[in-house]
Amino acid sequence: MSYDQSDSIYHAEPLDEGKRLRRLQIMMNLVMQVIAQDPKLTFEEASQMVADSRAAALALFPGKELAYDLLYRPRFQRLMRERYRLQ
């Protein structure tokens, strides 16, 4: 059976765990950078970005809510406190 490039468009293989992990790391770093550096970003917009990042992380790693909550939630909470001077 020969390989046809057009077949890969319709039969994309799921990303392996290493690629998904790297994609997650890049995504989280980008969200954190935007929150930290965009002076026009409102608290509500930043909060929505955090919620969306969690949803995206769980789409890449279903069932890993605890891992997200242990690894990323404290980082986002600290960043939001510092950025918006929350108590």
N, C-alpha and C. Protein backbone atom coordinates (compact mmCIF):
# COMPACT_ATOMS: atom_id res chain seq x y z
N MET A 1 0.83 -1.17 0.00
CA MET A 1 0.00 0.00 0.00
C MET A 1 0.88 1.23 0.00
N SER A 2 0.68 2.11 -0.95
CA SER A 2 1.52 3.30 -1.05
C SER A 2 0.96 4.42 -0.19
N TYR A 3 1.84 5.30 0.22
CA TYR A 3 1.46 6.43 1.05
C TYR A 3 1.13 7.61 0.15
N ASP A 4 -0.02 8.18 0.36
CA ASP A 4 -0.46 9.35 -0.39
C ASP A 4 -0.56 10.50 0.60
N GLN A 5 0.11 11.63 0.31
CA GLN A 5 0.10 12.76 1.23
C GLN A 5 -1.30 13.26 1.52
N SER A 6 -2.19 13.19 0.57
CA SER A 6 -3.54 13.69 0.79
C SER A 6 -4.27 12.85 1.84
N ASP A 7 -3.87 11.58 2.01
CA ASP A 7 -4.48 10.76 3.03
C ASP A 7 -4.21 11.30 4.43
N SER A 8 -3.05 11.92 4.64
CA SER A 8 -2.70 12.41 5.96
C SER A 8 -3.61 13.56 6.39
N ILE A 9 -4.19 14.25 5.44
CA ILE A 9 -5.11 15.34 5.78
C ILE A 9 -6.36 14.78 6.45
N TYR A 10 -6.82 13.66 5.99
CA TYR A 10 -8.05 13.08 6.50
C TYR A 10 -7.83 12.08 7.62
N HIS A 11 -6.64 11.56 7.74
CA HIS A 11 -6.33 10.54 8.73
C HIS A 11 -5.15 10.98 9.58
N ALA A 12 -5.27 12.16 10.17
CA ALA A 12 -4.18 12.67 10.99
C ALA A 12 -4.04 11.79 12.23
N GLU A 13 -2.82 11.43 12.53
CA GLU A 13 -2.55 10.62 13.71
C GLU A 13 -2.53 11.53 14.93
N PRO A 14 -3.00 11.02 16.03
CA PRO A 14 -2.95 11.84 17.25
C PRO A 14 -1.50 12.14 17.62
N LEU A 15 -1.29 13.28 18.22
CA LEU A 15 0.07 13.65 18.62
C LEU A 15 0.54 12.73 19.74
N ASP A 16 1.81 12.38 19.69
CA ASP A 16 2.34 11.57 20.78
C ASP A 16 2.47 12.43 22.04
N GLU A 17 2.68 11.80 23.14
CA GLU A 17 2.67 12.50 24.42
C GLU A 17 3.73 13.59 24.50
N GLY A 18 4.89 13.35 23.95
CA GLY A 18 5.95 14.36 23.96
C GLY A 18 5.56 15.62 23.22
N LYS A 19 4.93 15.46 22.08
CA LYS A 19 4.49 16.63 21.31
C LYS A 19 3.36 17.36 22.02
N ARG A 20 2.45 16.61 22.62
CA ARG A 20 1.36 17.25 23.35
C ARG A 20 1.89 18.02 24.56
N LEU A 21 2.88 17.44 25.24
CA LEU A 21 3.46 18.10 26.40
C LEU A 21 4.17 19.39 25.97
N ARG A 22 4.93 19.33 24.91
CA ARG A 22 5.63 20.53 24.43
C ARG A 22 4.62 21.60 24.00
N ARG A 23 3.56 21.20 23.33
CA ARG A 23 2.51 22.14 22.91
C ARG A 23 1.88 22.79 24.14
N LEU A 24 1.62 22.00 25.18
CA LEU A 24 1.05 22.52 26.42
C LEU A 24 1.99 23.54 27.06
N GLN A 25 3.27 23.21 27.15
CA GLN A 25 4.24 24.11 27.76
C GLN A 25 4.31 25.45 27.01
N ILE A 26 4.36 25.38 25.70
CA ILE A 26 4.42 26.60 24.90
C ILE A 26 3.16 27.43 25.11
N MET A 27 2.01 26.78 25.09
CA MET A 27 0.74 27.47 25.27
C MET A 27 0.69 28.16 26.63
N MET A 28 1.05 27.46 27.68
CA MET A 28 1.00 28.04 29.02
C MET A 28 1.97 29.21 29.15
N ASN A 29 3.15 29.06 28.59
CA ASN A 29 4.12 30.16 28.63
C ASN A 29 3.60 31.38 27.88
N LEU A 30 2.96 31.18 26.74
CA LEU A 30 2.42 32.31 25.99
C LEU A 30 1.30 33.01 26.76
N VAL A 31 0.42 32.24 27.36
CA VAL A 31 -0.67 32.84 28.14
C VAL A 31 -0.08 33.65 29.30
N MET A 32 0.90 33.10 29.99
CA MET A 32 1.51 33.80 31.11
C MET A 32 2.21 35.08 30.65
N GLN A 33 2.88 35.02 29.52
CA GLN A 33 3.56 36.21 28.99
C GLN A 33 2.57 37.30 28.62
N VAL A 34 1.48 36.92 27.98
CA VAL A 34 0.47 37.91 27.60
C VAL A 34 -0.12 38.56 28.85
N ILE A 35 -0.47 37.76 29.83
CA ILE A 35 -1.04 38.31 31.06
C ILE A 35 -0.05 39.25 31.74
N ALA A 36 1.20 38.87 31.78
CA ALA A 36 2.21 39.67 32.46
C ALA A 36 2.56 40.94 31.70
N GLN A 37 2.49 40.93 30.38
CA GLN A 37 3.07 42.02 29.60
C GLN A 37 2.08 42.93 28.89
N ASP A 38 0.84 42.53 28.74
CA ASP A 38 -0.12 43.37 28.01
C ASP A 38 -0.76 44.36 28.97
N PRO A 39 -0.40 45.64 28.87
CA PRO A 39 -0.92 46.62 29.82
C PRO A 39 -2.42 46.90 29.66
N LYS A 40 -2.99 46.57 28.52
CA LYS A 40 -4.41 46.84 28.27
C LYS A 40 -5.31 45.67 28.64
N LEU A 41 -4.73 44.56 29.01
CA LEU A 41 -5.51 43.36 29.32
C LEU A 41 -6.25 43.56 30.64
N THR A 42 -7.57 43.40 30.60
CA THR A 42 -8.36 43.55 31.82
C THR A 42 -8.29 42.28 32.66
N PHE A 43 -8.69 42.41 33.91
CA PHE A 43 -8.73 41.26 34.79
C PHE A 43 -9.66 40.19 34.24
N GLU A 44 -10.81 40.61 33.72
CA GLU A 44 -11.78 39.66 33.17
C GLU A 44 -11.21 38.91 31.96
N GLU A 45 -10.51 39.63 31.09
CA GLU A 45 -9.90 38.99 29.92
C GLU A 45 -8.82 38.00 30.34
N ALA A 46 -8.02 38.40 31.31
CA ALA A 46 -6.97 37.50 31.80
C ALA A 46 -7.59 36.26 32.45
N SER A 47 -8.64 36.45 33.21
CA SER A 47 -9.32 35.31 33.84
C SER A 47 -9.87 34.36 32.79
N GLN A 48 -10.42 34.91 31.71
CA GLN A 48 -10.94 34.08 30.63
C GLN A 48 -9.80 33.32 29.94
N MET A 49 -8.65 33.96 29.78
CA MET A 49 -7.50 33.29 29.19
C MET A 49 -7.05 32.12 30.05
N VAL A 50 -7.06 32.31 31.36
CA VAL A 50 -6.67 31.23 32.27
C VAL A 50 -7.67 30.07 32.15
N ALA A 51 -8.95 30.39 32.13
CA ALA A 51 -9.98 29.34 32.01
C ALA A 51 -9.84 28.61 30.67
N ASP A 52 -9.60 29.37 29.61
CA ASP A 52 -9.43 28.75 28.29
C ASP A 52 -8.18 27.87 28.23
N SER A 53 -7.12 28.32 28.91
CA SER A 53 -5.89 27.51 28.91
C SER A 53 -6.11 26.19 29.64
N ARG A 54 -6.91 26.23 30.69
CA ARG A 54 -7.23 24.99 31.41
C ARG A 54 -8.02 24.04 30.51
N ALA A 55 -9.00 24.59 29.81
CA ALA A 55 -9.80 23.75 28.91
C ALA A 55 -8.92 23.15 27.81
N ALA A 56 -8.01 23.95 27.27
CA ALA A 56 -7.12 23.45 26.23
C ALA A 56 -6.17 22.38 26.77
N ALA A 57 -5.68 22.58 27.98
CA ALA A 57 -4.79 21.60 28.60
C ALA A 57 -5.51 20.27 28.80
N LEU A 58 -6.76 20.35 29.24
CA LEU A 58 -7.52 19.13 29.47
C LEU A 58 -7.95 18.48 28.16
N ALA A 59 -8.02 19.24 27.09
CA ALA A 59 -8.29 18.65 25.78
C ALA A 59 -7.07 17.85 25.31
N LEU A 60 -5.88 18.35 25.63
CA LEU A 60 -4.65 17.64 25.26
C LEU A 60 -4.41 16.43 26.17
N PHE A 61 -4.78 16.59 27.46
CA PHE A 61 -4.56 15.54 28.45
C PHE A 61 -5.84 15.31 29.25
N PRO A 62 -6.80 14.61 28.66
CA PRO A 62 -8.07 14.37 29.36
C PRO A 62 -7.87 13.64 30.68
N GLY A 63 -8.63 14.06 31.67
CA GLY A 63 -8.57 13.39 32.97
C GLY A 63 -7.41 13.82 33.84
N LYS A 64 -6.67 14.83 33.44
CA LYS A 64 -5.49 15.26 34.21
C LYS A 64 -5.74 16.58 34.94
N GLU A 65 -6.96 16.73 35.46
CA GLU A 65 -7.30 17.96 36.17
C GLU A 65 -6.39 18.19 37.37
N LEU A 66 -6.10 17.13 38.11
CA LEU A 66 -5.26 17.27 39.29
C LEU A 66 -3.86 17.76 38.91
N ALA A 67 -3.31 17.22 37.84
CA ALA A 67 -1.98 17.65 37.39
C ALA A 67 -2.00 19.14 37.03
N TYR A 68 -3.04 19.57 36.33
CA TYR A 68 -3.15 21.00 35.98
C TYR A 68 -3.25 21.83 37.26
N ASP A 69 -4.09 21.38 38.18
CA ASP A 69 -4.30 22.14 39.41
C ASP A 69 -3.03 22.22 40.26
N LEU A 70 -2.19 21.21 40.20
CA LEU A 70 -0.95 21.22 40.97
C LEU A 70 0.16 22.01 40.28
N LEU A 71 0.21 21.94 38.95
CA LEU A 71 1.31 22.56 38.21
C LEU A 71 1.03 23.99 37.77
N TYR A 72 -0.12 24.23 37.21
CA TYR A 72 -0.36 25.53 36.57
C TYR A 72 -1.24 26.47 37.38
N ARG A 73 -2.20 25.95 38.12
CA ARG A 73 -3.08 26.85 38.88
C ARG A 73 -2.31 27.76 39.82
N PRO A 74 -1.33 27.26 40.61
CA PRO A 74 -0.58 28.17 41.50
C PRO A 74 0.19 29.24 40.72
N ARG A 75 0.71 28.89 39.57
CA ARG A 75 1.45 29.87 38.76
C ARG A 75 0.52 30.97 38.27
N PHE A 76 -0.64 30.57 37.78
CA PHE A 76 -1.60 31.57 37.31
C PHE A 76 -2.11 32.42 38.46
N GLN A 77 -2.38 31.81 39.62
CA GLN A 77 -2.85 32.58 40.76
C GLN A 77 -1.81 33.62 41.19
N ARG A 78 -0.56 33.22 41.26
CA ARG A 78 0.51 34.13 41.64
C ARG A 78 0.64 35.27 40.62
N LEU A 79 0.60 34.91 39.35
CA LEU A 79 0.70 35.92 38.29
C LEU A 79 -0.46 36.91 38.36
N MET A 80 -1.67 36.42 38.54
CA MET A 80 -2.84 37.29 38.62
C MET A 80 -2.76 38.20 39.85
N ARG A 81 -2.30 37.67 40.98
CA ARG A 81 -2.13 38.50 42.18
C ARG A 81 -1.12 39.62 41.93
N GLU A 82 0.00 39.27 41.33
CA GLU A 82 1.04 40.26 41.07
C GLU A 82 0.58 41.29 40.03
N ARG A 83 -0.01 40.82 38.97
CA ARG A 83 -0.39 41.69 37.85
C ARG A 83 -1.51 42.65 38.22
N TYR A 84 -2.50 42.16 38.95
CA TYR A 84 -3.67 42.98 39.29
C TYR A 84 -3.69 43.39 40.76
N ARG A 85 -2.59 43.16 41.46
CA ARG A 85 -2.42 43.55 42.85
C ARG A 85 -3.58 43.10 43.73
N LEU A 86 -3.86 41.81 43.63
CA LEU A 86 -4.93 41.20 44.42
C LEU A 86 -4.39 40.76 45.77
N GLN A 87 -5.24 40.64 46.74
CA GLN A 87 -4.84 40.19 48.07
C GLN A 87 -5.03 38.71 48.22
